[in-house]
């Protein structure tokens, strides 16, 4: 949205920057801090919360900010905000309630902790932008339900693949075409990768090996495509998605996918491995007007019936501040579930697992996630991947088996389980089947 640069410049000229507080200080969060501090006039990062204060201070230091206050109370944080003094805290919930924050950025990638932060922010009437597809793919619809009741905006961010796909989907619809496939381009898909196999890559780029593993084993892309499905009303063609391998350009995929199948499903989310331009995203769409199809052919998009639109990159943290500006200045969320879930991410054994095993969760050694329709996942009682961490197996499970809720003991006292129960009651699988 090109209008954002003018709106932010106006805020800068008026001395009224958009004030952002951030929860998380990992690899991506440090990039966001640097971007806001040095490249986004009209926006001010006021505080960073992290369990390890040194990591939060590191994020400021990498952005060139040396003088930072450590705070542990709401009053101290609000004083820092008024005095324009950067702050860090171990207590993320302070950022949710303190005056002087226009939007909260949640950049943890954690499901349970992320749920606690987002719910606290909603309770205090605060807009929230997340970089947490895992949270949104697990309890996004019920969090959205609470946000709307509170009159605040909860949105996934632009820059990462789901947000970039949504931009394309909205553009394609705005010029009169019908999107039938939202696609994500991957360079690697191996469900058996582990933090051990990905340790070298993680160390090279300064990333968390569990997060890197979730990219490689397909769990991350499953969450990403699930939330795109939940935002667009699309579904999956089969469990795990089709996941085609294609060494050519994404434009060639207009001749690969069957338009009848895509229409029959009402549109699908997908990924392809090896296609160009990588690591981009694409949308395949149709047009029902033969006069407009003639123009599309003139404009070098081909004869149809499918037309290819793509973005050849995703710039992650560079575009996150613009997502905040869209929410605060335009009231325009990047990506939100539009009601009940359409697609679930289900827990699948990465190896033979023994009874008594405590599952290590997303990007770990034990399981990987794959997409399934919400209806089938619910009626078969499949275990959502976002709830798997910390669950204890009641029985042996074979490699590649999809776990059910009956297979595990769920840890007591988690907020995410209460939210998930509320979501399942709001949007029962039978109702999802009827809507489809």
Protein backbone atom coordinates (compact mmCIF):
# COMPACT_ATOMS: atom_id res chain seq x y z
CA UNK A 1 0.00 0.00 0.00
CA UNK A 2 1.92 3.01 -1.29
CA UNK A 3 -0.29 5.43 0.69
CA UNK A 4 1.45 4.31 3.89
CA UNK A 5 4.64 6.22 3.21
CA UNK A 6 2.69 9.49 3.04
CA UNK A 7 0.67 8.72 6.15
CA UNK A 8 3.80 7.84 8.12
CA UNK A 9 5.62 10.92 6.86
CA UNK A 10 2.66 13.03 7.99
CA UNK A 11 2.85 11.44 11.45
CA UNK A 12 6.57 12.22 11.56
CA UNK A 13 5.99 15.86 10.58
CA UNK A 14 3.28 16.20 13.24
CA UNK A 15 5.51 14.65 15.91
CA UNK A 16 2.94 11.90 16.50
CA UNK A 17 4.70 8.66 15.57
CA UNK A 18 2.86 5.36 15.68
CA UNK A 19 4.07 3.79 18.94
CA UNK A 20 4.88 0.09 18.82
CA UNK A 21 5.77 -2.35 21.59
CA UNK A 22 7.25 -5.73 20.65
CA UNK A 23 7.16 -9.10 22.39
CA UNK A 24 10.09 -11.28 21.37
CA UNK A 25 13.76 -10.66 20.63
CA UNK A 26 14.73 -13.52 18.35
CA UNK A 27 16.25 -13.41 14.88
CA UNK A 28 13.19 -11.91 13.17
CA UNK A 29 12.35 -9.55 16.03
CA UNK A 30 15.85 -8.06 15.97
CA UNK A 31 15.42 -7.34 12.26
CA UNK A 32 12.10 -5.63 12.95
CA UNK A 33 13.64 -3.48 15.69
CA UNK A 34 16.40 -2.37 13.35
CA UNK A 35 13.89 -1.60 10.61
CA UNK A 36 11.61 0.54 12.77
CA UNK A 37 14.43 2.45 14.47
CA UNK A 38 16.39 3.24 11.32
CA UNK A 39 14.05 3.07 8.33
CA UNK A 40 10.47 3.96 9.31
CA UNK A 41 9.96 7.68 9.98
CA UNK A 42 6.61 8.23 11.66
CA UNK A 43 6.90 5.07 13.80
CA UNK A 44 8.61 4.59 17.15
CA UNK A 45 9.54 1.37 18.89
CA UNK A 46 8.95 2.10 22.58
CA UNK A 47 9.71 -1.21 24.31
CA UNK A 48 10.78 -4.80 23.83
CA UNK A 49 9.76 -7.66 26.13
CA UNK A 50 11.70 -10.89 26.30
CA UNK A 51 12.24 -13.61 28.90
CA UNK A 52 15.98 -12.87 28.71
CA UNK A 53 16.61 -9.16 29.14
CA UNK A 54 20.03 -9.38 27.53
CA UNK A 55 18.42 -10.56 24.29
CA UNK A 56 16.00 -7.63 24.34
CA UNK A 57 18.90 -5.24 24.94
CA UNK A 58 20.79 -6.89 22.09
CA UNK A 59 17.90 -6.06 19.75
CA UNK A 60 18.18 -2.38 20.67
CA UNK A 61 21.97 -2.43 20.39
CA UNK A 62 21.89 -3.98 16.92
CA UNK A 63 19.59 -1.12 15.93
CA UNK A 64 22.20 1.36 17.21
CA UNK A 65 20.43 2.23 20.48
CA UNK A 66 22.77 2.05 23.49
CA UNK A 67 20.85 3.68 26.36
CA UNK A 68 17.95 1.43 27.39
CA UNK A 69 15.95 1.32 30.62
CA UNK A 70 15.06 -1.92 32.36
CA UNK A 71 11.51 -1.73 33.74
CA UNK A 72 9.37 -4.09 35.80
CA UNK A 73 6.22 -2.04 36.47
CA UNK A 74 3.55 -0.49 34.32
CA UNK A 75 4.25 2.97 35.80
CA UNK A 76 7.96 2.74 34.96
CA UNK A 77 7.20 1.67 31.41
CA UNK A 78 4.73 4.50 30.91
CA UNK A 79 7.31 6.98 32.21
CA UNK A 80 9.80 5.70 29.62
CA UNK A 81 7.25 6.05 26.84
CA UNK A 82 6.46 9.64 27.85
CA UNK A 83 10.16 10.49 28.05
CA UNK A 84 10.93 8.82 24.72
CA UNK A 85 13.36 6.46 26.43
CA UNK A 86 13.64 2.92 24.98
CA UNK A 87 12.75 0.18 27.46
CA UNK A 88 13.08 -3.54 28.00
CA UNK A 89 11.19 -5.82 30.35
CA UNK A 90 10.83 -9.49 31.23
CA UNK A 91 7.08 -9.03 31.69
CA UNK A 92 5.43 -9.11 28.28
CA UNK A 93 2.01 -8.44 29.80
CA UNK A 94 3.15 -4.92 30.76
CA UNK A 95 3.24 -4.04 27.07
CA UNK A 96 -0.37 -5.16 26.72
CA UNK A 97 -1.73 -2.73 29.31
CA UNK A 98 0.59 0.29 29.37
CA UNK A 99 -0.69 3.62 28.07
CA UNK A 100 1.16 5.07 25.10
CA UNK A 101 1.21 1.96 22.88
CA UNK A 102 -0.76 2.08 19.63
CA UNK A 103 -0.05 -1.49 18.53
CA UNK A 104 1.54 -4.61 19.97
CA UNK A 105 3.82 -6.74 17.81
CA UNK A 106 3.86 -10.42 18.84
CA UNK A 107 6.92 -12.11 17.34
CA UNK A 108 7.46 -15.20 19.49
CA UNK A 109 6.33 -18.15 17.34
CA UNK A 110 5.11 -19.76 20.59
CA UNK A 111 1.53 -20.99 20.77
CA UNK A 112 0.75 -21.01 24.51
CA UNK A 113 2.73 -17.90 25.39
CA UNK A 114 1.51 -16.12 22.26
CA UNK A 115 -2.08 -16.87 23.21
CA UNK A 116 -1.54 -15.36 26.67
CA UNK A 117 -0.03 -12.19 25.22
CA UNK A 118 -2.68 -11.70 22.54
CA UNK A 119 -5.60 -12.28 24.92
CA UNK A 120 -4.13 -9.82 27.43
CA UNK A 121 -3.71 -7.20 24.70
CA UNK A 122 -7.28 -7.72 23.51
CA UNK A 123 -8.56 -7.35 27.08
CA UNK A 124 -6.87 -3.95 27.24
CA UNK A 125 -8.25 -2.76 23.89
CA UNK A 126 -4.96 -2.96 22.01
CA UNK A 127 -4.43 -3.65 18.30
CA UNK A 128 -2.14 -6.63 17.68
CA UNK A 129 -0.04 -7.65 14.68
CA UNK A 130 1.55 -11.09 14.86
CA UNK A 131 4.28 -13.01 13.09
CA UNK A 132 2.90 -16.24 14.52
CA UNK A 133 1.20 -18.48 11.96
CA UNK A 134 1.38 -21.34 14.47
CA UNK A 135 -0.85 -19.45 16.91
CA UNK A 136 -3.24 -18.25 14.22
CA UNK A 137 -3.48 -21.72 12.71
CA UNK A 138 -4.39 -23.20 16.10
CA UNK A 139 -6.77 -20.70 17.72
CA UNK A 140 -6.90 -17.78 15.27
CA UNK A 141 -10.67 -17.85 14.73
CA UNK A 142 -11.51 -17.67 18.43
CA UNK A 143 -8.89 -14.97 19.03
CA UNK A 144 -10.47 -13.04 16.16
CA UNK A 145 -13.87 -13.52 17.79
CA UNK A 146 -12.58 -11.92 21.00
CA UNK A 147 -10.81 -9.11 19.12
CA UNK A 148 -13.95 -8.13 17.20
CA UNK A 149 -16.01 -8.11 20.36
CA UNK A 150 -13.40 -5.82 21.94
CA UNK A 151 -13.36 -3.51 18.91
CA UNK A 152 -9.67 -4.02 18.12
CA UNK A 153 -7.81 -5.33 15.09
CA UNK A 154 -5.86 -8.58 15.29
CA UNK A 155 -3.90 -9.30 12.12
CA UNK A 156 -1.15 -11.49 10.76
CA UNK A 157 1.67 -9.41 9.26
CA UNK A 158 2.67 -8.67 5.70
CA UNK A 159 6.12 -9.65 4.41
CA UNK A 160 5.91 -13.33 5.26
CA UNK A 161 4.32 -15.64 2.69
CA UNK A 162 0.74 -15.69 4.04
CA UNK A 163 0.47 -11.91 4.03
CA UNK A 164 2.03 -11.65 0.58
CA UNK A 165 -0.44 -14.25 -0.72
CA UNK A 166 -3.32 -12.26 0.75
CA UNK A 167 -2.11 -9.11 -0.99
CA UNK A 168 -2.11 -11.00 -4.28
CA UNK A 169 -5.51 -12.60 -3.58
CA UNK A 170 -7.03 -9.20 -2.85
CA UNK A 171 -5.46 -7.65 -5.95
CA UNK A 172 -6.64 -10.45 -8.23
CA UNK A 173 -10.19 -10.18 -6.88
CA UNK A 174 -10.10 -6.40 -7.20
CA UNK A 175 -9.51 -6.59 -10.96
CA UNK A 176 -12.38 -9.01 -11.49
CA UNK A 177 -10.78 -12.45 -11.53
CA UNK A 178 -11.66 -15.40 -9.30
CA UNK A 179 -8.67 -16.77 -7.34
CA UNK A 180 -8.68 -20.57 -7.41
CA UNK A 181 -5.27 -21.42 -5.95
CA UNK A 182 -3.01 -19.65 -3.46
CA UNK A 183 0.48 -21.11 -3.71
CA UNK A 184 3.74 -21.02 -1.78
CA UNK A 185 7.11 -21.87 -3.37
CA UNK A 186 9.53 -24.04 -1.39
CA UNK A 187 13.10 -25.10 -2.05
CA UNK A 188 12.98 -28.14 0.26
CA UNK A 189 10.35 -30.43 1.75
CA UNK A 190 11.49 -33.33 3.93
CA UNK A 191 9.20 -34.27 6.85
CA UNK A 192 11.97 -36.19 8.61
CA UNK A 193 14.35 -33.27 9.15
CA UNK A 194 15.24 -32.58 12.80
CA UNK A 195 17.07 -29.92 14.82
CA UNK A 196 20.16 -32.10 14.48
CA UNK A 197 20.07 -32.14 10.67
CA UNK A 198 19.34 -28.39 10.53
CA UNK A 199 21.84 -27.28 13.19
CA UNK A 200 24.48 -26.16 10.71
CA UNK A 201 22.08 -24.03 8.67
CA UNK A 202 20.63 -22.50 11.84
CA UNK A 203 24.08 -21.62 13.16
CA UNK A 204 25.12 -20.07 9.85
CA UNK A 205 22.19 -17.65 9.86
CA UNK A 206 21.90 -17.14 13.62
CA UNK A 207 18.49 -18.79 13.81
CA UNK A 208 16.75 -21.21 16.16
CA UNK A 209 17.28 -24.81 14.93
CA UNK A 210 13.73 -25.78 15.92
CA UNK A 211 12.30 -22.93 13.86
CA UNK A 212 14.53 -23.83 10.92
CA UNK A 213 13.41 -27.46 11.20
CA UNK A 214 9.76 -26.40 11.02
CA UNK A 215 10.56 -24.79 7.65
CA UNK A 216 12.27 -27.91 6.32
CA UNK A 217 9.85 -30.56 7.59
CA UNK A 218 6.75 -28.86 6.18
CA UNK A 219 5.14 -27.83 9.46
CA UNK A 220 5.65 -24.10 8.90
CA UNK A 221 4.26 -24.10 5.39
CA UNK A 222 1.29 -26.14 6.60
CA UNK A 223 0.46 -23.46 9.18
CA UNK A 224 1.02 -20.73 6.61
CA UNK A 225 -1.29 -22.28 4.05
CA UNK A 226 -3.87 -23.16 6.70
CA UNK A 227 -4.22 -19.53 7.74
CA UNK A 228 -4.47 -18.43 4.11
CA UNK A 229 -7.27 -20.97 3.66
CA UNK A 230 -9.02 -19.70 6.77
CA UNK A 231 -8.77 -16.12 5.49
CA UNK A 232 -9.96 -16.82 1.94
CA UNK A 233 -12.45 -19.67 2.40
CA UNK A 234 -10.25 -22.05 0.41
CA UNK A 235 -9.44 -25.63 1.40
CA UNK A 236 -6.93 -28.39 0.59
CA UNK A 237 -7.24 -30.90 -2.22
CA UNK A 238 -5.99 -33.71 0.04
CA UNK A 239 -4.27 -34.27 3.37
CA UNK A 240 -0.82 -32.72 3.23
CA UNK A 241 -1.70 -30.77 0.04
CA UNK A 242 -0.64 -31.97 -3.42
CA UNK A 243 2.89 -30.59 -3.00
CA UNK A 244 3.95 -30.85 -6.65
CA UNK A 245 7.58 -30.72 -7.69
CA UNK A 246 8.09 -28.32 -10.58
CA UNK A 247 11.47 -27.11 -11.81
CA UNK A 248 10.07 -24.47 -14.17
CA UNK A 249 8.39 -21.11 -13.70
CA UNK A 250 5.13 -20.76 -11.79
CA UNK A 251 3.48 -19.41 -14.95
CA UNK A 252 3.71 -22.95 -16.35
CA UNK A 253 1.49 -24.21 -13.54
CA UNK A 254 -1.56 -22.78 -15.31
CA UNK A 255 -1.28 -25.86 -17.53
CA UNK A 256 -0.68 -28.28 -14.65
CA UNK A 257 -3.60 -27.82 -12.27
CA UNK A 258 -7.07 -28.95 -13.33
CA UNK A 259 -9.41 -25.96 -13.21
CA UNK A 260 -12.40 -28.24 -12.72
CA UNK A 261 -10.87 -29.68 -9.57
CA UNK A 262 -10.00 -26.22 -8.28
CA UNK A 263 -13.55 -24.96 -8.88
CA UNK A 264 -15.08 -28.06 -7.31
CA UNK A 265 -13.18 -27.36 -4.10
CA UNK A 266 -14.00 -23.66 -4.16
CA UNK A 267 -10.29 -22.88 -4.40
CA UNK A 268 -7.33 -24.58 -2.73
CA UNK A 269 -4.12 -23.65 -0.96
CA UNK A 270 -0.95 -25.39 -2.13
CA UNK A 271 2.82 -25.41 -2.23
CA UNK A 272 5.26 -26.39 -4.97
CA UNK A 273 8.88 -27.48 -4.57
CA UNK A 274 11.61 -26.16 -6.82
CA UNK A 275 9.60 -23.69 -8.90
CA UNK A 276 10.82 -20.25 -9.90
CA UNK A 277 10.86 -17.47 -8.81
CA UNK A 278 11.86 -18.77 -5.40
CA UNK A 279 11.05 -18.02 -2.62
CA UNK A 280 7.95 -16.29 -3.92
CA UNK A 281 4.22 -16.87 -3.83
CA UNK A 282 1.58 -17.09 -6.54
CA UNK A 283 -2.13 -17.05 -7.22
CA UNK A 284 -3.84 -18.86 -10.08
CA UNK A 285 -7.14 -17.31 -11.10
CA UNK A 286 -9.88 -17.51 -13.73
CA UNK A 287 -12.05 -14.95 -15.52
CA UNK A 288 -15.58 -15.69 -16.67
CA UNK A 289 -15.82 -12.82 -19.19
CA UNK A 290 -14.49 -13.81 -22.65
CA UNK A 291 -13.99 -10.14 -23.53
CA UNK A 292 -11.68 -9.72 -20.56
CA UNK A 293 -9.90 -12.98 -21.36
CA UNK A 294 -9.06 -11.45 -24.76
CA UNK A 295 -7.44 -8.49 -22.98
CA UNK A 296 -5.55 -10.78 -20.60
CA UNK A 297 -4.13 -12.62 -23.60
CA UNK A 298 -3.10 -9.28 -25.14
CA UNK A 299 -1.33 -8.41 -21.87
CA UNK A 300 0.74 -11.61 -22.14
CA UNK A 301 -1.04 -13.62 -19.45
CA UNK A 302 -2.03 -16.32 -21.93
CA UNK A 303 -5.27 -17.76 -23.22
CA UNK A 304 -6.44 -19.18 -19.90
CA UNK A 305 -8.52 -20.65 -18.47
CA UNK A 306 -6.04 -20.14 -15.57
CA UNK A 307 -3.92 -17.02 -15.23
CA UNK A 308 -0.79 -16.70 -13.11
CA UNK A 309 0.01 -13.84 -10.75
CA UNK A 310 3.09 -13.97 -8.56
CA UNK A 311 5.37 -12.03 -6.24
CA UNK A 312 8.99 -13.19 -6.61
CA UNK A 313 10.07 -12.50 -3.02
CA UNK A 314 8.89 -12.11 0.56
CA UNK A 315 10.73 -9.59 2.67
CA UNK A 316 9.54 -10.63 6.14
CA UNK A 317 10.71 -8.09 8.73
CA UNK A 318 11.05 -5.25 6.20
CA UNK A 319 7.27 -5.14 5.74
CA UNK A 320 6.16 -5.83 9.30
CA UNK A 321 6.17 -2.11 10.27
CA UNK A 322 3.98 -1.40 7.25
CA UNK A 323 1.53 -3.99 8.57
CA UNK A 324 1.34 -2.01 11.81
CA UNK A 325 0.75 1.18 9.82
CA UNK A 326 -2.03 -0.50 7.84
CA UNK A 327 -3.77 -1.48 11.07
CA UNK A 328 -3.29 1.75 13.03
CA UNK A 329 -3.58 4.36 10.27
CA UNK A 330 -5.96 2.66 7.81
CA UNK A 331 -7.87 0.09 9.87
CA UNK A 332 -6.81 -2.46 7.26
CA UNK A 333 -5.79 -5.90 8.55
CA UNK A 334 -3.40 -7.87 6.38
CA UNK A 335 -4.82 -11.33 7.07
CA UNK A 336 -7.58 -12.57 9.39
CA UNK A 337 -9.71 -15.73 9.58
CA UNK A 338 -13.15 -14.94 8.18
CA UNK A 339 -15.21 -17.05 10.56
CA UNK A 340 -14.69 -20.70 11.36
CA UNK A 341 -11.59 -22.68 10.32
CA UNK A 342 -11.39 -24.32 6.92
CA UNK A 343 -8.04 -26.07 7.30
CA UNK A 344 -6.34 -27.62 10.33
CA UNK A 345 -2.69 -28.59 10.86
CA UNK A 346 -2.59 -32.12 12.29
CA UNK A 347 0.17 -33.85 14.25
CA UNK A 348 2.04 -36.63 12.44
CA UNK A 349 4.74 -38.94 13.81
CA UNK A 350 8.19 -38.17 12.39
CA UNK A 351 9.50 -41.51 13.66
CA UNK A 352 8.22 -44.52 15.60
CA UNK A 353 7.20 -43.16 19.01
CA UNK A 354 6.84 -45.10 22.25
CA UNK A 355 4.13 -44.76 24.88
CA UNK A 356 5.23 -42.28 27.55
CA UNK A 357 7.04 -39.99 25.10
CA UNK A 358 6.48 -36.31 25.85
CA UNK A 359 6.15 -34.62 22.46
CA UNK A 360 8.61 -31.83 21.77
CA UNK A 361 6.29 -29.94 19.44
CA UNK A 362 6.83 -27.76 16.38
CA UNK A 363 10.16 -28.22 14.60
CA UNK A 364 11.29 -30.96 16.94
CA UNK A 365 12.42 -34.58 16.74
CA UNK A 366 9.05 -36.27 17.24
CA UNK A 367 6.39 -34.88 14.92
CA UNK A 368 5.62 -32.79 11.86
CA UNK A 369 2.44 -31.00 10.84
CA UNK A 370 0.38 -31.39 7.69
CA UNK A 371 -2.79 -29.77 6.45
CA UNK A 372 -6.19 -31.46 6.67
CA UNK A 373 -9.70 -30.10 6.25
CA UNK A 374 -11.12 -28.79 9.50
CA UNK A 375 -14.16 -31.02 9.09
CA UNK A 376 -12.20 -34.24 8.74
CA UNK A 377 -9.72 -33.32 11.45
CA UNK A 378 -12.57 -32.61 13.83
CA UNK A 379 -14.75 -35.61 13.08
CA UNK A 380 -11.74 -37.95 13.31
CA UNK A 381 -10.52 -36.33 16.52
CA UNK A 382 -7.06 -35.55 15.12
CA UNK A 383 -4.61 -33.75 17.38
CA UNK A 384 -3.91 -30.16 16.27
CA UNK A 385 -0.18 -29.61 15.83
CA UNK A 386 -0.37 -26.40 17.82
CA UNK A 387 -1.48 -28.35 20.89
CA UNK A 388 1.05 -31.19 20.60
CA UNK A 389 3.97 -29.78 22.59
CA UNK A 390 4.11 -31.28 26.07
CA UNK A 391 1.51 -33.98 25.39
CA UNK A 392 2.38 -37.46 26.68
CA UNK A 393 1.67 -40.47 24.46
CA UNK A 394 -0.66 -43.09 25.90
CA UNK A 395 0.36 -45.73 23.33
CA UNK A 396 3.00 -46.54 20.73
CA UNK A 397 2.58 -44.65 17.45
CA UNK A 398 4.10 -45.68 14.13
CA UNK A 399 6.09 -43.35 11.88
CA UNK A 400 3.82 -41.20 9.65
CA UNK A 401 0.69 -42.01 11.68
CA UNK A 402 -1.55 -39.02 12.39
CA UNK A 403 -2.10 -38.66 16.12
CA UNK A 404 -5.54 -38.29 17.66
CA UNK A 405 -6.55 -36.50 20.83
CA UNK A 406 -7.21 -39.92 22.34
CA UNK A 407 -3.56 -40.88 21.80
CA UNK A 408 -2.27 -38.30 24.28
CA UNK A 409 -2.56 -36.82 27.73
CA UNK A 410 -2.77 -33.05 27.39
CA UNK A 411 -0.92 -30.97 30.01
CA UNK A 412 -3.28 -29.31 32.49
CA UNK A 413 -3.87 -25.60 32.89
CA UNK A 414 -3.00 -24.29 29.42
CA UNK A 415 -4.85 -21.25 28.08
CA UNK A 416 -4.54 -22.49 24.51
CA UNK A 417 -6.57 -25.63 25.34
CA UNK A 418 -9.35 -23.52 26.84
CA UNK A 419 -9.34 -21.27 23.79
CA UNK A 420 -9.36 -24.28 21.50
CA UNK A 421 -12.35 -25.78 23.33
CA UNK A 422 -14.15 -22.45 22.93
CA UNK A 423 -13.27 -22.35 19.23
CA UNK A 424 -14.50 -25.90 18.64
CA UNK A 425 -17.78 -25.01 20.34
CA UNK A 426 -18.16 -21.84 18.27
CA UNK A 427 -17.32 -23.59 15.01
CA UNK A 428 -18.16 -27.30 15.25
CA UNK A 429 -16.89 -29.49 12.38
CA UNK A 430 -20.46 -30.36 11.37
CA UNK A 431 -21.15 -26.68 10.77
CA UNK A 432 -17.96 -26.41 8.72
CA UNK A 433 -19.18 -29.31 6.56
CA UNK A 434 -22.52 -27.59 6.01
CA UNK A 435 -20.81 -24.32 5.06
CA UNK A 436 -18.63 -26.14 2.54
